[in-house]
Each structure stands twice: as C-alpha cells, then as structure tokens.
Amino acid sequence: MSVPRWRSLLFVPTHVPRFVETAHERGADGLILDLEDSVPQDQKGEARDSLLNAWPRWPERRFCFGPR
C-alpha cells in the first residue's frame, strides 16, 4: 500500500456554507473540515448542517479529508 504524498492541506471553517460547498475545487491534496476551533460557539449546529448538506453534492472524492 502506498502512502499519499500531501503537498497541501486546506483548513475549511464549516460555518461558512460557500467555503464548504467549494472546498473540493480548491486543488488541495487534503481537506480539514473544521467543526470546532474556527467556528463560533453559537454557530456549531449550523456548521454541522452545512457540511452534511454539501457533502452529497461533492463529486468523486479523490483526496483525503478529515473533520476536526
């Protein structure tokens, strides 16, 4: 099994819907979908909803990602 060589990681604050919806188009090798530190406390629910709504519309995932 080969290990991917990541040149770039993009941290995406998930409380901004347009950031989530277009994250996969930005050319990063990996996405870190931030649900914690960059999201204001009163917007955490909206951030989770934004991620859940955008995820099914993303094309085939050719990168690694992880929620944070």
Foldseek 3Di string as FASTA:
>chain_A
DDDDDFPFEAEFAQLDLVSLLCVQVPPGQEYEDELPDVDPPVRSVSSVVSNVVRVVVDPDDPHYYYYD
